[in-house]
Amino acid sequence: MTSPSTRYPLPDLNTLPEDLKVKILEVQEKSGFIPNVFLAFARRPAEWRAFFAYHDALMLREGSSLTKGEREMIITTTSAANHCLYCVVAHGAILRIYEKKPLVADQVAINYRKADITPRQRAMLDFAMKVCLESHAVEDADFTALHAHGFDDEDIWDIAGITAFFGLSNRMANVTGMLPNPEFYLLGRVPKAK
């Protein structure tokens, strides 16, 4: 069996500060397993707290027109561009579940321009990819294009923020050699066991 992190051993859950341990056990109870990212980043508790606080601020923000599925679509698409196996597999699984479409994660990870998504989602991913690969080239015309699809300036901030945040996550996952949990590969592809 391959180690969940090839360069940095995962810490023992029982050695972590209590607040991290409680949060990680909550995630385990909800998902049935502990996603490797929760333990991999726990080697530095202060950074773990900051990372997951920012994650939650972006991913759970109320008042945005972005759906949970669209947020995961941004992550899956840009993580593929950043060659992050962990995030493509993990967030692709979550995307399949939210969108109730078993093929969509593979489609957006390989070529979102040919994916079974709406024109609005395509515009969103066009912008996310520009932020991911050439943020220096973002211009007012990009905002105008998104406004035409019903995104407001706060939604555009969300798209950019999610893309940028997961750019950090992708890079740390790649550097640490973090591997996806085996459970992620089948989530949203096959019916859940009862």
C-alpha atoms as a PDB file:
ATOM      1  CA  MET A   1       0.000   0.000   0.000  1.00  0.00           C
ATOM      2  CA  THR A   2       1.225   3.480  -0.870  1.00  0.00           C
ATOM      3  CA  SER A   3       1.704   5.973   1.949  1.00  0.00           C
ATOM      4  CA  PRO A   4      -0.849   8.847   2.039  1.00  0.00           C
ATOM      5  CA  SER A   5       2.063  11.308   1.921  1.00  0.00           C
ATOM      6  CA  THR A   6       5.293  10.262   0.298  1.00  0.00           C
ATOM      7  CA  ARG A   7       7.537  12.968   1.754  1.00  0.00           C
ATOM      8  CA  TYR A   8       6.097  13.891   5.156  1.00  0.00           C
ATOM      9  CA  PRO A   9       4.662  11.224   7.456  1.00  0.00           C
ATOM     10  CA  LEU A  10       1.149  11.927   8.666  1.00  0.00           C
ATOM     11  CA  PRO A  11       0.978  12.769  12.365  1.00  0.00           C
ATOM     12  CA  ASP A  12      -0.838  10.486  14.773  1.00  0.00           C
ATOM     13  CA  LEU A  13      -4.314  11.874  15.389  1.00  0.00           C
ATOM     14  CA  ASN A  14      -3.915  11.308  19.142  1.00  0.00           C
ATOM     15  CA  THR A  15      -0.866  13.602  19.304  1.00  0.00           C
ATOM     16  CA  LEU A  16      -2.649  16.625  17.812  1.00  0.00           C
ATOM     17  CA  PRO A  17      -4.020  19.622  19.707  1.00  0.00           C
ATOM     18  CA  GLU A  18      -7.567  19.004  20.888  1.00  0.00           C
ATOM     19  CA  ASP A  19      -9.231  21.533  18.561  1.00  0.00           C
ATOM     20  CA  LEU A  20      -7.683  19.882  15.492  1.00  0.00           C
ATOM     21  CA  LYS A  21      -8.545  16.421  16.756  1.00  0.00           C
ATOM     22  CA  VAL A  22     -12.200  17.381  17.332  1.00  0.00           C
ATOM     23  CA  LYS A  23     -12.555  18.887  13.838  1.00  0.00           C
ATOM     24  CA  ILE A  24     -10.849  15.921  12.167  1.00  0.00           C
ATOM     25  CA  LEU A  25     -13.074  13.437  14.008  1.00  0.00           C
ATOM     26  CA  GLU A  26     -16.146  15.441  12.886  1.00  0.00           C
ATOM     27  CA  VAL A  27     -14.980  15.111   9.290  1.00  0.00           C
ATOM     28  CA  GLN A  28     -14.377  11.385   9.775  1.00  0.00           C
ATOM     29  CA  GLU A  29     -17.864  10.903  11.208  1.00  0.00           C
ATOM     30  CA  LYS A  30     -19.469  12.757   8.291  1.00  0.00           C
ATOM     31  CA  SER A  31     -17.456  11.162   5.465  1.00  0.00           C
ATOM     32  CA  GLY A  32     -16.590   7.768   6.945  1.00  0.00           C
ATOM     33  CA  PHE A  33     -12.839   8.361   6.624  1.00  0.00           C
ATOM     34  CA  ILE A  34     -10.233  11.051   7.299  1.00  0.00           C
ATOM     35  CA  PRO A  35      -9.193  12.824   4.087  1.00  0.00           C
ATOM     36  CA  ASN A  36      -5.395  12.849   4.007  1.00  0.00           C
ATOM     37  CA  VAL A  37      -5.222  16.644   3.734  1.00  0.00           C
ATOM     38  CA  PHE A  38      -6.553  17.003   7.281  1.00  0.00           C
ATOM     39  CA  LEU A  39      -3.686  15.006   8.752  1.00  0.00           C
ATOM     40  CA  ALA A  40      -1.003  16.147   6.307  1.00  0.00           C
ATOM     41  CA  PHE A  41      -1.486  19.820   7.146  1.00  0.00           C
ATOM     42  CA  ALA A  42      -1.880  19.086  10.891  1.00  0.00           C
ATOM     43  CA  ARG A  43       1.888  18.755  11.237  1.00  0.00           C
ATOM     44  CA  ARG A  44       1.789  22.540  11.665  1.00  0.00           C
ATOM     45  CA  PRO A  45      -1.286  23.309  13.794  1.00  0.00           C
ATOM     46  CA  ALA A  46      -1.205  27.109  13.374  1.00  0.00           C
ATOM     47  CA  GLU A  47      -1.091  26.773   9.583  1.00  0.00           C
ATOM     48  CA  TRP A  48      -3.810  24.083   9.694  1.00  0.00           C
ATOM     49  CA  ARG A  49      -6.101  26.462  11.605  1.00  0.00           C
ATOM     50  CA  ALA A  50      -5.436  29.323   9.166  1.00  0.00           C
ATOM     51  CA  PHE A  51      -5.832  27.071   6.113  1.00  0.00           C
ATOM     52  CA  PHE A  52      -9.163  25.603   7.164  1.00  0.00           C
ATOM     53  CA  ALA A  53     -10.494  28.952   8.420  1.00  0.00           C
ATOM     54  CA  TYR A  54      -9.817  30.473   4.998  1.00  0.00           C
ATOM     55  CA  HIS A  55     -11.161  27.351   3.278  1.00  0.00           C
ATOM     56  CA  ASP A  56     -14.424  27.630   5.192  1.00  0.00           C
ATOM     57  CA  ALA A  57     -14.683  31.393   4.578  1.00  0.00           C
ATOM     58  CA  LEU A  58     -14.449  30.791   0.824  1.00  0.00           C
ATOM     59  CA  MET A  59     -16.340  27.543   0.467  1.00  0.00           C
ATOM     60  CA  LEU A  60     -19.174  28.195   2.921  1.00  0.00           C
ATOM     61  CA  ARG A  61     -19.785  31.897   2.185  1.00  0.00           C
ATOM     62  CA  GLU A  62     -23.469  32.713   2.151  1.00  0.00           C
ATOM     63  CA  GLY A  63     -24.934  35.169  -0.319  1.00  0.00           C
ATOM     64  CA  SER A  64     -22.926  34.003  -3.319  1.00  0.00           C
ATOM     65  CA  SER A  65     -24.645  32.872  -6.485  1.00  0.00           C
ATOM     66  CA  LEU A  66     -22.042  30.108  -6.847  1.00  0.00           C
ATOM     67  CA  THR A  67     -23.447  26.707  -5.967  1.00  0.00           C
ATOM     68  CA  LYS A  68     -21.449  24.185  -3.956  1.00  0.00           C
ATOM     69  CA  GLY A  69     -21.042  22.189  -7.156  1.00  0.00           C
ATOM     70  CA  GLU A  70     -19.692  25.209  -9.043  1.00  0.00           C
ATOM     71  CA  ARG A  71     -17.148  25.862  -6.297  1.00  0.00           C
ATOM     72  CA  GLU A  72     -15.959  22.252  -6.616  1.00  0.00           C
ATOM     73  CA  MET A  73     -15.942  22.620 -10.405  1.00  0.00           C
ATOM     74  CA  ILE A  74     -13.510  25.542 -10.076  1.00  0.00           C
ATOM     75  CA  ILE A  75     -11.268  23.503  -7.781  1.00  0.00           C
ATOM     76  CA  THR A  76     -11.289  20.405  -9.968  1.00  0.00           C
ATOM     77  CA  THR A  77     -10.598  22.328 -13.173  1.00  0.00           C
ATOM     78  CA  THR A  78      -7.794  24.521 -11.830  1.00  0.00           C
ATOM     79  CA  SER A  79      -6.257  21.678  -9.810  1.00  0.00           C
ATOM     80  CA  ALA A  80      -5.967  19.700 -13.040  1.00  0.00           C
ATOM     81  CA  ALA A  81      -4.159  22.652 -14.615  1.00  0.00           C
ATOM     82  CA  ASN A  82      -1.809  22.610 -11.606  1.00  0.00           C
ATOM     83  CA  HIS A  83      -1.317  18.826 -11.952  1.00  0.00           C
ATOM     84  CA  CYS A  84      -2.540  18.156  -8.409  1.00  0.00           C
ATOM     85  CA  LEU A  85      -3.641  14.538  -8.195  1.00  0.00           C
ATOM     86  CA  TYR A  86      -4.925  14.883  -4.631  1.00  0.00           C
ATOM     87  CA  CYS A  87      -7.249  17.815  -5.317  1.00  0.00           C
ATOM     88  CA  VAL A  88      -8.501  16.544  -8.683  1.00  0.00           C
ATOM     89  CA  VAL A  89      -9.484  13.206  -7.174  1.00  0.00           C
ATOM     90  CA  ALA A  90     -10.819  14.515  -3.837  1.00  0.00           C
ATOM     91  CA  HIS A  91     -12.701  17.540  -5.151  1.00  0.00           C
ATOM     92  CA  GLY A  92     -13.767  15.677  -8.273  1.00  0.00           C
ATOM     93  CA  ALA A  93     -15.532  13.225  -5.956  1.00  0.00           C
ATOM     94  CA  ILE A  94     -17.281  16.049  -4.125  1.00  0.00           C
ATOM     95  CA  LEU A  95     -18.201  17.654  -7.473  1.00  0.00           C
ATOM     96  CA  ARG A  96     -19.804  14.418  -8.689  1.00  0.00           C
ATOM     97  CA  ILE A  97     -21.857  14.227  -5.505  1.00  0.00           C
ATOM     98  CA  TYR A  98     -23.039  17.857  -5.536  1.00  0.00           C
ATOM     99  CA  GLU A  99     -23.862  17.886  -9.246  1.00  0.00           C
ATOM    100  CA  LYS A 100     -25.274  14.330  -9.241  1.00  0.00           C
ATOM    101  CA  LYS A 101     -23.357  13.776 -12.495  1.00  0.00           C
ATOM    102  CA  PRO A 102     -20.850  10.903 -12.415  1.00  0.00           C
ATOM    103  CA  LEU A 103     -18.966  12.122 -15.519  1.00  0.00           C
ATOM    104  CA  VAL A 104     -18.611  15.843 -14.881  1.00  0.00           C
ATOM    105  CA  ALA A 105     -15.425  15.761 -12.781  1.00  0.00           C
ATOM    106  CA  ASP A 106     -13.498  13.802 -15.390  1.00  0.00           C
ATOM    107  CA  GLN A 107     -14.799  16.115 -18.096  1.00  0.00           C
ATOM    108  CA  VAL A 108     -13.785  19.379 -16.425  1.00  0.00           C
ATOM    109  CA  ALA A 109     -10.444  17.979 -15.293  1.00  0.00           C
ATOM    110  CA  ILE A 110      -9.496  16.941 -18.830  1.00  0.00           C
ATOM    111  CA  ASN A 111     -11.146  19.665 -20.936  1.00  0.00           C
ATOM    112  CA  TYR A 112     -13.853  21.819 -19.383  1.00  0.00           C
ATOM    113  CA  ARG A 113     -14.563  23.364 -22.807  1.00  0.00           C
ATOM    114  CA  LYS A 114     -16.066  20.027 -23.904  1.00  0.00           C
ATOM    115  CA  ALA A 115     -17.744  19.224 -20.583  1.00  0.00           C
ATOM    116  CA  ASP A 116     -21.480  18.854 -20.060  1.00  0.00           C
ATOM    117  CA  ILE A 117     -21.819  22.198 -18.258  1.00  0.00           C
ATOM    118  CA  THR A 118     -23.857  25.365 -18.800  1.00  0.00           C
ATOM    119  CA  PRO A 119     -22.574  28.422 -20.701  1.00  0.00           C
ATOM    120  CA  ARG A 120     -22.552  30.263 -17.345  1.00  0.00           C
ATOM    121  CA  GLN A 121     -20.308  27.595 -15.824  1.00  0.00           C
ATOM    122  CA  ARG A 122     -18.064  27.684 -18.884  1.00  0.00           C
ATOM    123  CA  ALA A 123     -17.625  31.463 -18.468  1.00  0.00           C
ATOM    124  CA  MET A 124     -16.865  30.912 -14.780  1.00  0.00           C
ATOM    125  CA  LEU A 125     -14.200  28.314 -15.619  1.00  0.00           C
ATOM    126  CA  ASP A 126     -12.736  30.482 -18.406  1.00  0.00           C
ATOM    127  CA  PHE A 127     -12.135  33.153 -15.780  1.00  0.00           C
ATOM    128  CA  ALA A 128     -10.886  30.695 -13.140  1.00  0.00           C
ATOM    129  CA  MET A 129      -8.356  29.299 -15.609  1.00  0.00           C
ATOM    130  CA  LYS A 130      -7.181  32.814 -16.467  1.00  0.00           C
ATOM    131  CA  VAL A 131      -6.687  33.525 -12.759  1.00  0.00           C
ATOM    132  CA  CYS A 132      -4.910  30.169 -12.391  1.00  0.00           C
ATOM    133  CA  LEU A 133      -2.554  30.484 -15.353  1.00  0.00           C
ATOM    134  CA  GLU A 134      -2.213  34.200 -16.152  1.00  0.00           C
ATOM    135  CA  SER A 135      -3.737  36.376 -13.430  1.00  0.00           C
ATOM    136  CA  HIS A 136      -1.584  39.275 -14.593  1.00  0.00           C
ATOM    137  CA  ALA A 137      -3.715  39.400 -17.776  1.00  0.00           C
ATOM    138  CA  VAL A 138      -7.101  39.802 -16.023  1.00  0.00           C
ATOM    139  CA  GLU A 139      -8.821  42.930 -17.333  1.00  0.00           C
ATOM    140  CA  ASP A 140     -12.138  44.746 -17.160  1.00  0.00           C
ATOM    141  CA  ALA A 141     -13.427  42.794 -20.170  1.00  0.00           C
ATOM    142  CA  ASP A 142     -13.240  39.611 -18.056  1.00  0.00           C
ATOM    143  CA  PHE A 143     -15.590  41.202 -15.524  1.00  0.00           C
ATOM    144  CA  THR A 144     -17.938  42.321 -18.297  1.00  0.00           C
ATOM    145  CA  ALA A 145     -18.096  38.769 -19.672  1.00  0.00           C
ATOM    146  CA  LEU A 146     -18.955  37.382 -16.244  1.00  0.00           C
ATOM    147  CA  HIS A 147     -21.541  40.094 -15.567  1.00  0.00           C
ATOM    148  CA  ALA A 148     -23.286  39.034 -18.803  1.00  0.00           C
ATOM    149  CA  HIS A 149     -23.774  35.595 -17.212  1.00  0.00           C
ATOM    150  CA  GLY A 150     -25.261  37.002 -14.013  1.00  0.00           C
ATOM    151  CA  PHE A 151     -22.165  37.021 -11.827  1.00  0.00           C
ATOM    152  CA  ASP A 152     -21.703  40.092  -9.648  1.00  0.00           C
ATOM    153  CA  ASP A 153     -18.386  41.475  -8.423  1.00  0.00           C
ATOM    154  CA  GLU A 154     -18.588  39.466  -5.182  1.00  0.00           C
ATOM    155  CA  ASP A 155     -19.086  36.253  -7.176  1.00  0.00           C
ATOM    156  CA  ILE A 156     -16.044  37.171  -9.276  1.00  0.00           C
ATOM    157  CA  TRP A 157     -14.050  37.645  -6.071  1.00  0.00           C
ATOM    158  CA  ASP A 158     -15.211  34.168  -4.996  1.00  0.00           C
ATOM    159  CA  ILE A 159     -14.061  32.613  -8.273  1.00  0.00           C
ATOM    160  CA  ALA A 160     -10.655  34.291  -7.956  1.00  0.00           C
ATOM    161  CA  GLY A 161     -10.339  33.530  -4.238  1.00  0.00           C
ATOM    162  CA  ILE A 162     -11.181  29.843  -4.640  1.00  0.00           C
ATOM    163  CA  THR A 163      -8.773  29.545  -7.563  1.00  0.00           C
ATOM    164  CA  ALA A 164      -5.959  31.266  -5.674  1.00  0.00           C
ATOM    165  CA  PHE A 165      -6.519  29.403  -2.411  1.00  0.00           C
ATOM    166  CA  PHE A 166      -6.511  26.025  -4.099  1.00  0.00           C
ATOM    167  CA  GLY A 167      -3.415  27.041  -6.040  1.00  0.00           C
ATOM    168  CA  LEU A 168      -1.696  27.098  -2.637  1.00  0.00           C
ATOM    169  CA  SER A 169      -3.291  23.786  -1.688  1.00  0.00           C
ATOM    170  CA  ASN A 170      -2.260  22.199  -5.020  1.00  0.00           C
ATOM    171  CA  ARG A 171       1.325  23.258  -4.565  1.00  0.00           C
ATOM    172  CA  MET A 172       1.549  21.988  -0.992  1.00  0.00           C
ATOM    173  CA  ALA A 173      -0.079  18.677  -1.948  1.00  0.00           C
ATOM    174  CA  ASN A 174       2.414  18.280  -4.792  1.00  0.00           C
ATOM    175  CA  VAL A 175       5.433  19.200  -2.657  1.00  0.00           C
ATOM    176  CA  THR A 176       4.444  16.876   0.184  1.00  0.00           C
ATOM    177  CA  GLY A 177       3.572  14.021  -2.156  1.00  0.00           C
ATOM    178  CA  MET A 178       0.054  13.866  -0.711  1.00  0.00           C
ATOM    179  CA  LEU A 179      -2.016  11.114  -2.280  1.00  0.00           C
ATOM    180  CA  PRO A 180      -5.808  10.851  -2.462  1.00  0.00           C
ATOM    181  CA  ASN A 181      -7.601   8.487  -0.117  1.00  0.00           C
ATOM    182  CA  PRO A 182      -8.788   5.403  -2.021  1.00  0.00           C
ATOM    183  CA  GLU A 183     -12.370   6.185  -0.923  1.00  0.00           C
ATOM    184  CA  PHE A 184     -12.471   9.290  -3.122  1.00  0.00           C
ATOM    185  CA  TYR A 185     -12.129   7.362  -6.371  1.00  0.00           C
ATOM    186  CA  LEU A 186     -15.595   5.801  -6.215  1.00  0.00           C
ATOM    187  CA  LEU A 187     -17.557   8.568  -4.490  1.00  0.00           C
ATOM    188  CA  GLY A 188     -20.295   9.838  -6.751  1.00  0.00           C
ATOM    189  CA  ARG A 189     -19.609   7.128  -9.340  1.00  0.00           C
ATOM    190  CA  VAL A 190     -21.328   4.155  -7.741  1.00  0.00           C
ATOM    191  CA  PRO A 191     -24.374   4.052  -5.448  1.00  0.00           C
ATOM    192  CA  LYS A 192     -23.540   4.360  -1.765  1.00  0.00           C
ATOM    193  CA  ALA A 193     -23.773   1.097   0.190  1.00  0.00           C
ATOM    194  CA  LYS A 194     -26.798   1.005   2.472  1.00  0.00           C
END
